[in-house]
PDB file of N, CA and C in Angstrom:
ATOM      1  N   UNK A   1       0.829  -1.208   0.000  1.00  0.00           N
ATOM      2  CA  UNK A   1       0.000   0.000   0.000  1.00  0.00           C
ATOM      3  C   UNK A   1       0.863   1.257   0.000  1.00  0.00           C
ATOM      4  N   UNK A   2       1.927   1.231   0.786  1.00  0.00           N
ATOM      5  CA  UNK A   2       2.810   2.396   0.834  1.00  0.00           C
ATOM      6  C   UNK A   2       3.486   2.660  -0.508  1.00  0.00           C
ATOM      7  N   UNK A   3       3.827   1.596  -1.206  1.00  0.00           N
ATOM      8  CA  UNK A   3       4.484   1.749  -2.506  1.00  0.00           C
ATOM      9  C   UNK A   3       3.575   2.503  -3.463  1.00  0.00           C
ATOM     10  N   UNK A   4       2.283   2.157  -3.498  1.00  0.00           N
ATOM     11  CA  UNK A   4       1.355   2.846  -4.398  1.00  0.00           C
ATOM     12  C   UNK A   4       1.198   4.307  -3.984  1.00  0.00           C
ATOM     13  N   UNK A   5       1.235   4.582  -2.671  1.00  0.00           N
ATOM     14  CA  UNK A   5       1.143   5.972  -2.207  1.00  0.00           C
ATOM     15  C   UNK A   5       2.350   6.769  -2.692  1.00  0.00           C
ATOM     16  N   UNK A   6       3.531   6.157  -2.592  1.00  0.00           N
ATOM     17  CA  UNK A   6       4.736   6.837  -3.071  1.00  0.00           C
ATOM     18  C   UNK A   6       4.639   7.116  -4.561  1.00  0.00           C
ATOM     19  N   UNK A   7       4.177   6.125  -5.298  1.00  0.00           N
ATOM     20  CA  UNK A   7       4.051   6.285  -6.741  1.00  0.00           C
ATOM     21  C   UNK A   7       3.086   7.431  -7.057  1.00  0.00           C
ATOM     22  N   UNK A   8       2.008   7.488  -6.306  1.00  0.00           N
ATOM     23  CA  UNK A   8       1.020   8.556  -6.509  1.00  0.00           C
ATOM     24  C   UNK A   8       1.643   9.919  -6.187  1.00  0.00           C
ATOM     25  N   UNK A   9       2.437   9.986  -5.113  1.00  0.00           N
ATOM     26  CA  UNK A   9       3.069  11.246  -4.718  1.00  0.00           C
ATOM     27  C   UNK A   9       4.028  11.723  -5.802  1.00  0.00           C
ATOM     28  N   UNK A  10       4.833  10.813  -6.338  1.00  0.00           N
ATOM     29  CA  UNK A  10       5.774  11.214  -7.385  1.00  0.00           C
ATOM     30  C   UNK A  10       5.014  11.632  -8.642  1.00  0.00           C
ATOM     31  N   UNK A  11       3.899  10.962  -8.929  1.00  0.00           N
ATOM     32  CA  UNK A  11       3.095  11.314 -10.102  1.00  0.00           C
ATOM     33  C   UNK A  11       2.511  12.702  -9.976  1.00  0.00           C
ATOM     34  N   UNK A  12       2.029  13.060  -8.780  1.00  0.00           N
ATOM     35  CA  UNK A  12       1.443  14.386  -8.601  1.00  0.00           C
ATOM     36  C   UNK A  12       2.519  15.469  -8.692  1.00  0.00           C
ATOM     37  N   UNK A  13       3.737  15.141  -8.264  1.00  0.00           N
ATOM     38  CA  UNK A  13       4.832  16.112  -8.363  1.00  0.00           C
ATOM     39  C   UNK A  13       5.127  16.415  -9.832  1.00  0.00           C
ATOM     40  N   UNK A  14       5.055  15.383 -10.659  1.00  0.00           N
ATOM     41  CA  UNK A  14       5.300  15.571 -12.091  1.00  0.00           C
ATOM     42  C   UNK A  14       4.199  16.436 -12.701  1.00  0.00           C
ATOM     43  N   UNK A  15       2.952  16.214 -12.270  1.00  0.00           N
ATOM     44  CA  UNK A  15       1.827  16.985 -12.807  1.00  0.00           C
ATOM     45  C   UNK A  15       1.948  18.471 -12.470  1.00  0.00           C
ATOM     46  N   UNK A  16       2.537  18.793 -11.313  1.00  0.00           N
ATOM     47  CA  UNK A  16       2.633  20.191 -10.885  1.00  0.00           C
ATOM     48  C   UNK A  16       3.646  20.998 -11.698  1.00  0.00           C
ATOM     49  N   UNK A  17       4.517  20.328 -12.432  1.00  0.00           N
ATOM     50  CA  UNK A  17       5.508  21.038 -13.244  1.00  0.00           C
ATOM     51  C   UNK A  17       4.787  21.890 -14.290  1.00  0.00           C
ATOM     52  N   UNK A  18       5.204  23.143 -14.458  1.00  0.00           N
ATOM     53  CA  UNK A  18       4.520  24.015 -15.428  1.00  0.00           C
ATOM     54  C   UNK A  18       4.733  23.535 -16.854  1.00  0.00           C
ATOM     55  N   UNK A  19       3.731  23.654 -17.703  1.00  0.00           N
ATOM     56  CA  UNK A  19       3.894  23.223 -19.093  1.00  0.00           C
ATOM     57  C   UNK A  19       4.876  24.120 -19.832  1.00  0.00           C
ATOM     58  N   UNK A  20       5.636  23.533 -20.732  1.00  0.00           N
ATOM     59  CA  UNK A  20       6.627  24.325 -21.480  1.00  0.00           C
ATOM     60  C   UNK A  20       5.920  25.198 -22.504  1.00  0.00           C
ATOM     61  N   UNK A  21       6.220  26.481 -22.455  1.00  0.00           N
ATOM     62  CA  UNK A  21       5.586  27.428 -23.372  1.00  0.00           C
ATOM     63  C   UNK A  21       6.505  27.648 -24.559  1.00  0.00           C
ATOM     64  N   UNK A  22       5.950  27.548 -25.753  1.00  0.00           N
ATOM     65  CA  UNK A  22       6.768  27.801 -26.942  1.00  0.00           C
ATOM     66  C   UNK A  22       6.964  29.305 -27.085  1.00  0.00           C
ATOM     67  N   UNK A  23       8.197  29.760 -27.281  1.00  0.00           N
ATOM     68  CA  UNK A  23       8.427  31.209 -27.392  1.00  0.00           C
ATOM     69  C   UNK A  23       7.832  31.774 -28.674  1.00  0.00           C
ATOM     70  N   UNK A  24       7.468  33.038 -28.616  1.00  0.00           N
ATOM     71  CA  UNK A  24       6.956  33.715 -29.812  1.00  0.00           C
ATOM     72  C   UNK A  24       8.101  33.874 -30.811  1.00  0.00           C
ATOM     73  N   UNK A  25       7.759  34.095 -32.073  1.00  0.00           N
ATOM     74  CA  UNK A  25       8.788  34.176 -33.117  1.00  0.00           C
ATOM     75  C   UNK A  25       9.808  35.273 -32.838  1.00  0.00           C
ATOM     76  N   UNK A  26       9.326  36.457 -32.428  1.00  0.00           N
ATOM     77  CA  UNK A  26      10.282  37.556 -32.226  1.00  0.00           C
ATOM     78  C   UNK A  26      11.219  37.267 -31.055  1.00  0.00           C
ATOM     79  N   UNK A  27      10.725  36.544 -30.043  1.00  0.00           N
ATOM     80  CA  UNK A  27      11.590  36.163 -28.923  1.00  0.00           C
ATOM     81  C   UNK A  27      12.715  35.244 -29.391  1.00  0.00           C
ATOM     82  N   UNK A  28      12.354  34.237 -30.193  1.00  0.00           N
ATOM     83  CA  UNK A  28      13.372  33.287 -30.647  1.00  0.00           C
ATOM     84  C   UNK A  28      14.375  33.974 -31.573  1.00  0.00           C
ATOM     85  N   UNK A  29      13.893  34.920 -32.392  1.00  0.00           N
ATOM     86  CA  UNK A  29      14.804  35.652 -33.281  1.00  0.00           C
ATOM     87  C   UNK A  29      15.767  36.501 -32.459  1.00  0.00           C
ATOM     88  N   UNK A  30      15.245  37.140 -31.424  1.00  0.00           N
ATOM     89  CA  UNK A  30      16.099  37.966 -30.570  1.00  0.00           C
ATOM     90  C   UNK A  30      17.121  37.080 -29.864  1.00  0.00           C
ATOM     91  N   UNK A  31      16.667  35.908 -29.399  1.00  0.00           N
ATOM     92  CA  UNK A  31      17.581  34.994 -28.723  1.00  0.00           C
ATOM     93  C   UNK A  31      18.667  34.529 -29.680  1.00  0.00           C
ATOM     94  N   UNK A  32      18.285  34.278 -30.940  1.00  0.00           N
ATOM     95  CA  UNK A  32      19.258  33.816 -31.927  1.00  0.00           C
ATOM     96  C   UNK A  32      20.325  34.881 -32.150  1.00  0.00           C
ATOM     97  N   UNK A  33      19.911  36.153 -32.236  1.00  0.00           N
ATOM     98  CA  UNK A  33      20.889  37.215 -32.480  1.00  0.00           C
ATOM     99  C   UNK A  33      21.796  37.399 -31.264  1.00  0.00           C
ATOM    100  N   UNK A  34      21.234  37.275 -30.055  1.00  0.00           N
ATOM    101  CA  UNK A  34      22.080  37.422 -28.867  1.00  0.00           C
ATOM    102  C   UNK A  34      23.040  36.242 -28.762  1.00  0.00           C
ATOM    103  N   UNK A  35      22.577  35.043 -29.142  1.00  0.00           N
ATOM    104  CA  UNK A  35      23.468  33.879 -29.169  1.00  0.00           C
ATOM    105  C   UNK A  35      24.608  34.106 -30.150  1.00  0.00           C
ATOM    106  N   UNK A  36      24.275  34.662 -31.320  1.00  0.00           N
ATOM    107  CA  UNK A  36      25.293  34.907 -32.343  1.00  0.00           C
ATOM    108  C   UNK A  36      26.343  35.881 -31.825  1.00  0.00           C
ATOM    109  N   UNK A  37      25.908  36.952 -31.163  1.00  0.00           N
ATOM    110  CA  UNK A  37      26.876  37.924 -30.650  1.00  0.00           C
ATOM    111  C   UNK A  37      27.711  37.305 -29.532  1.00  0.00           C
ATOM    112  N   UNK A  38      27.089  36.438 -28.727  1.00  0.00           N
ATOM    113  CA  UNK A  38      27.832  35.764 -27.659  1.00  0.00           C
ATOM    114  C   UNK A  38      28.891  34.840 -28.247  1.00  0.00           C
ATOM    115  N   UNK A  39      28.529  34.122 -29.303  1.00  0.00           N
ATOM    116  CA  UNK A  39      29.480  33.223 -29.967  1.00  0.00           C
ATOM    117  C   UNK A  39      30.616  34.029 -30.574  1.00  0.00           C
ATOM    118  N   UNK A  40      30.272  35.164 -31.187  1.00  0.00           N
ATOM    119  CA  UNK A  40      31.293  36.015 -31.800  1.00  0.00           C
ATOM    120  C   UNK A  40      32.296  36.486 -30.750  1.00  0.00           C
ATOM    121  N   UNK A  41      31.801  36.932 -29.602  1.00  0.00           N
ATOM    122  CA  UNK A  41      32.684  37.387 -28.529  1.00  0.00           C
ATOM    123  C   UNK A  41      33.559  36.238 -28.034  1.00  0.00           C
ATOM    124  N   UNK A  42      32.976  35.045 -27.967  1.00  0.00           N
ATOM    125  CA  UNK A  42      33.717  33.862 -27.524  1.00  0.00           C
ATOM    126  C   UNK A  42      34.849  33.541 -28.497  1.00  0.00           C
ATOM    127  N   UNK A  43      34.563  33.624 -29.793  1.00  0.00           N
ATOM    128  CA  UNK A  43      35.580  33.351 -30.820  1.00  0.00           C
ATOM    129  C   UNK A  43      36.705  34.369 -30.714  1.00  0.00           C
ATOM    130  N   UNK A  44      36.348  35.632 -30.495  1.00  0.00           N
ATOM    131  CA  UNK A  44      37.368  36.681 -30.357  1.00  0.00           C
ATOM    132  C   UNK A  44      38.265  36.374 -29.163  1.00  0.00           C
ATOM    133  N   UNK A  45      37.659  35.972 -28.041  1.00  0.00           N
ATOM    134  CA  UNK A  45      38.456  35.628 -26.851  1.00  0.00           C
ATOM    135  C   UNK A  45      39.393  34.466 -27.137  1.00  0.00           C
ATOM    136  N   UNK A  46      38.891  33.456 -27.861  1.00  0.00           N
ATOM    137  CA  UNK A  46      39.735  32.296 -28.184  1.00  0.00           C
ATOM    138  C   UNK A  46      40.903  32.706 -29.069  1.00  0.00           C
ATOM    139  N   UNK A  47      40.612  33.513 -30.087  1.00  0.00           N
ATOM    140  CA  UNK A  47      41.694  33.968 -30.978  1.00  0.00           C
ATOM    141  C   UNK A  47      42.725  34.759 -30.202  1.00  0.00           C
ATOM    142  N   UNK A  48      42.256  35.605 -29.286  1.00  0.00           N
ATOM    143  CA  UNK A  48      43.157  36.410 -28.470  1.00  0.00           C
ATOM    144  C   UNK A  48      44.053  35.500 -27.627  1.00  0.00           C
ATOM    145  N   UNK A  49      43.462  34.462 -27.030  1.00  0.00           N
ATOM    146  CA  UNK A  49      44.243  33.516 -26.216  1.00  0.00           C
ATOM    147  C   UNK A  49      45.273  32.794 -27.071  1.00  0.00           C
ATOM    148  N   UNK A  50      44.892  32.432 -28.292  1.00  0.00           N
ATOM    149  CA  UNK A  50      45.822  31.754 -29.204  1.00  0.00           C
ATOM    150  C   UNK A  50      46.977  32.688 -29.557  1.00  0.00           C
ATOM    151  N   UNK A  51      46.666  33.961 -29.848  1.00  0.00           N
ATOM    152  CA  UNK A  51      47.712  34.938 -30.179  1.00  0.00           C
ATOM    153  C   UNK A  51      48.680  35.107 -29.018  1.00  0.00           C
ATOM    154  N   UNK A  52      48.165  35.186 -27.805  1.00  0.00           N
ATOM    155  CA  UNK A  52      49.021  35.348 -26.625  1.00  0.00           C
ATOM    156  C   UNK A  52      49.960  34.146 -26.503  1.00  0.00           C
ATOM    157  N   UNK A  53      49.419  32.953 -26.703  1.00  0.00           N
ATOM    158  CA  UNK A  53      50.256  31.749 -26.603  1.00  0.00           C
ATOM    159  C   UNK A  53      51.323  31.731 -27.688  1.00  0.00           C
ATOM    160  N   UNK A  54      50.968  32.148 -28.892  1.00  0.00           N
ATOM    161  CA  UNK A  54      51.952  32.168 -29.983  1.00  0.00           C
ATOM    162  C   UNK A  54      53.050  33.179 -29.688  1.00  0.00           C
ATOM    163  N   UNK A  55      52.661  34.350 -29.162  1.00  0.00           N
ATOM    164  CA  UNK A  55      53.655  35.373 -28.828  1.00  0.00           C
ATOM    165  C   UNK A  55      54.575  34.882 -27.721  1.00  0.00           C
ATOM    166  N   UNK A  56      54.028  34.111 -26.799  1.00  0.00           N
ATOM    167  CA  UNK A  56      54.832  33.585 -25.693  1.00  0.00           C
ATOM    168  C   UNK A  56      55.751  32.461 -26.163  1.00  0.00           C
ATOM    169  N   UNK A  57      55.628  32.069 -27.426  1.00  0.00           N
ATOM    170  CA  UNK A  57      56.495  31.043 -27.980  1.00  0.00           C
ATOM    171  C   UNK A  57      56.009  29.637 -27.700  1.00  0.00           C
ATOM    172  N   UNK A  58      54.797  29.527 -27.163  1.00  0.00           N
ATOM    173  CA  UNK A  58      54.247  28.199 -26.889  1.00  0.00           C
ATOM    174  C   UNK A  58      53.569  27.655 -28.127  1.00  0.00           C
ATOM    175  N   UNK A  59      53.712  26.343 -28.325  1.00  0.00           N
ATOM    176  CA  UNK A  59      53.020  25.727 -29.451  1.00  0.00           C
ATOM    177  C   UNK A  59      51.567  25.533 -29.056  1.00  0.00           C
ATOM    178  N   UNK A  60      50.665  26.006 -29.885  1.00  0.00           N
ATOM    179  CA  UNK A  60      49.251  25.892 -29.556  1.00  0.00           C
ATOM    180  C   UNK A  60      48.781  24.465 -29.769  1.00  0.00           C
ATOM    181  N   UNK A  61      48.122  23.917 -28.761  1.00  0.00           N
ATOM    182  CA  UNK A  61      47.560  22.567 -28.900  1.00  0.00           C
ATOM    183  C   UNK A  61      46.189  22.497 -28.229  1.00  0.00           C
ATOM    184  N   UNK A  62      45.572  21.338 -28.321  1.00  0.00           N
ATOM    185  CA  UNK A  62      44.208  21.190 -27.805  1.00  0.00           C
ATOM    186  C   UNK A  62      44.160  21.326 -26.282  1.00  0.00           C
ATOM    187  N   UNK A  63      45.257  20.981 -25.588  1.00  0.00           N
ATOM    188  CA  UNK A  63      45.262  21.085 -24.125  1.00  0.00           C
ATOM    189  C   UNK A  63      45.155  22.536 -23.699  1.00  0.00           C
ATOM    190  N   UNK A  64      45.957  23.398 -24.302  1.00  0.00           N
ATOM    191  CA  UNK A  64      45.894  24.810 -23.941  1.00  0.00           C
ATOM    192  C   UNK A  64      44.553  25.402 -24.354  1.00  0.00           C
ATOM    193  N   UNK A  65      43.982  24.891 -25.453  1.00  0.00           N
ATOM    194  CA  UNK A  65      42.672  25.367 -25.891  1.00  0.00           C
ATOM    195  C   UNK A  65      41.619  25.038 -24.835  1.00  0.00           C
ATOM    196  N   UNK A  66      41.646  23.825 -24.299  1.00  0.00           N
ATOM    197  CA  UNK A  66      40.655  23.439 -23.290  1.00  0.00           C
ATOM    198  C   UNK A  66      40.832  24.273 -22.029  1.00  0.00           C
ATOM    199  N   UNK A  67      42.083  24.611 -21.688  1.00  0.00           N
ATOM    200  CA  UNK A  67      42.330  25.467 -20.527  1.00  0.00           C
ATOM    201  C   UNK A  67      41.756  26.856 -20.798  1.00  0.00           C
ATOM    202  N   UNK A  68      41.978  27.379 -22.006  1.00  0.00           N
ATOM    203  CA  UNK A  68      41.451  28.695 -22.359  1.00  0.00           C
ATOM    204  C   UNK A  68      39.927  28.684 -22.319  1.00  0.00           C
ATOM    205  N   UNK A  69      39.328  27.612 -22.815  1.00  0.00           N
ATOM    206  CA  UNK A  69      37.870  27.531 -22.861  1.00  0.00           C
ATOM    207  C   UNK A  69      37.280  27.443 -21.460  1.00  0.00           C
ATOM    208  N   UNK A  70      37.958  26.740 -20.557  1.00  0.00           N
ATOM    209  CA  UNK A  70      37.407  26.583 -19.212  1.00  0.00           C
ATOM    210  C   UNK A  70      37.408  27.911 -18.464  1.00  0.00           C
ATOM    211  N   UNK A  71      38.307  28.823 -18.814  1.00  0.00           N
ATOM    212  CA  UNK A  71      38.353  30.127 -18.147  1.00  0.00           C
ATOM    213  C   UNK A  71      37.514  31.167 -18.863  1.00  0.00           C
ATOM    214  N   UNK A  72      36.967  30.854 -20.030  1.00  0.00           N
ATOM    215  CA  UNK A  72      36.189  31.827 -20.806  1.00  0.00           C
ATOM    216  C   UNK A  72      34.865  32.121 -20.131  1.00  0.00           C
TER     217      UNK A  72
END
Protein backbone atom coordinates (compact mmCIF):
# COMPACT_ATOMS: atom_id res chain seq x y z
CA UNK A 1 0.00 0.00 0.00
CA UNK A 2 2.81 2.40 0.83
CA UNK A 3 4.48 1.75 -2.51
CA UNK A 4 1.35 2.85 -4.40
CA UNK A 5 1.14 5.97 -2.21
CA UNK A 6 4.74 6.84 -3.07
CA UNK A 7 4.05 6.29 -6.74
CA UNK A 8 1.02 8.56 -6.51
CA UNK A 9 3.07 11.25 -4.72
CA UNK A 10 5.77 11.21 -7.38
CA UNK A 11 3.10 11.31 -10.10
CA UNK A 12 1.44 14.39 -8.60
CA UNK A 13 4.83 16.11 -8.36
CA UNK A 14 5.30 15.57 -12.09
CA UNK A 15 1.83 16.99 -12.81
CA UNK A 16 2.63 20.19 -10.88
CA UNK A 17 5.51 21.04 -13.24
CA UNK A 18 4.52 24.01 -15.43
CA UNK A 19 3.89 23.22 -19.09
CA UNK A 20 6.63 24.32 -21.48
CA UNK A 21 5.59 27.43 -23.37
CA UNK A 22 6.77 27.80 -26.94
CA UNK A 23 8.43 31.21 -27.39
CA UNK A 24 6.96 33.71 -29.81
CA UNK A 25 8.79 34.18 -33.12
CA UNK A 26 10.28 37.56 -32.23
CA UNK A 27 11.59 36.16 -28.92
CA UNK A 28 13.37 33.29 -30.65
CA UNK A 29 14.80 35.65 -33.28
CA UNK A 30 16.10 37.97 -30.57
CA UNK A 31 17.58 34.99 -28.72
CA UNK A 32 19.26 33.82 -31.93
CA UNK A 33 20.89 37.21 -32.48
CA UNK A 34 22.08 37.42 -28.87
CA UNK A 35 23.47 33.88 -29.17
CA UNK A 36 25.29 34.91 -32.34
CA UNK A 37 26.88 37.92 -30.65
CA UNK A 38 27.83 35.76 -27.66
CA UNK A 39 29.48 33.22 -29.97
CA UNK A 40 31.29 36.01 -31.80
CA UNK A 41 32.68 37.39 -28.53
CA UNK A 42 33.72 33.86 -27.52
CA UNK A 43 35.58 33.35 -30.82
CA UNK A 44 37.37 36.68 -30.36
CA UNK A 45 38.46 35.63 -26.85
CA UNK A 46 39.73 32.30 -28.18
CA UNK A 47 41.69 33.97 -30.98
CA UNK A 48 43.16 36.41 -28.47
CA UNK A 49 44.24 33.52 -26.22
CA UNK A 50 45.82 31.75 -29.20
CA UNK A 51 47.71 34.94 -30.18
CA UNK A 52 49.02 35.35 -26.62
CA UNK A 53 50.26 31.75 -26.60
CA UNK A 54 51.95 32.17 -29.98
CA UNK A 55 53.66 35.37 -28.83
CA UNK A 56 54.83 33.58 -25.69
CA UNK A 57 56.49 31.04 -27.98
CA UNK A 58 54.25 28.20 -26.89
CA UNK A 59 53.02 25.73 -29.45
CA UNK A 60 49.25 25.89 -29.56
CA UNK A 61 47.56 22.57 -28.90
CA UNK A 62 44.21 21.19 -27.81
CA UNK A 63 45.26 21.09 -24.12
CA UNK A 64 45.89 24.81 -23.94
CA UNK A 65 42.67 25.37 -25.89
CA UNK A 66 40.65 23.44 -23.29
CA UNK A 67 42.33 25.47 -20.53
CA UNK A 68 41.45 28.69 -22.36
CA UNK A 69 37.87 27.53 -22.86
CA UNK A 70 37.41 26.58 -19.21
CA UNK A 71 38.35 30.13 -18.15
CA UNK A 72 36.19 31.83 -20.81
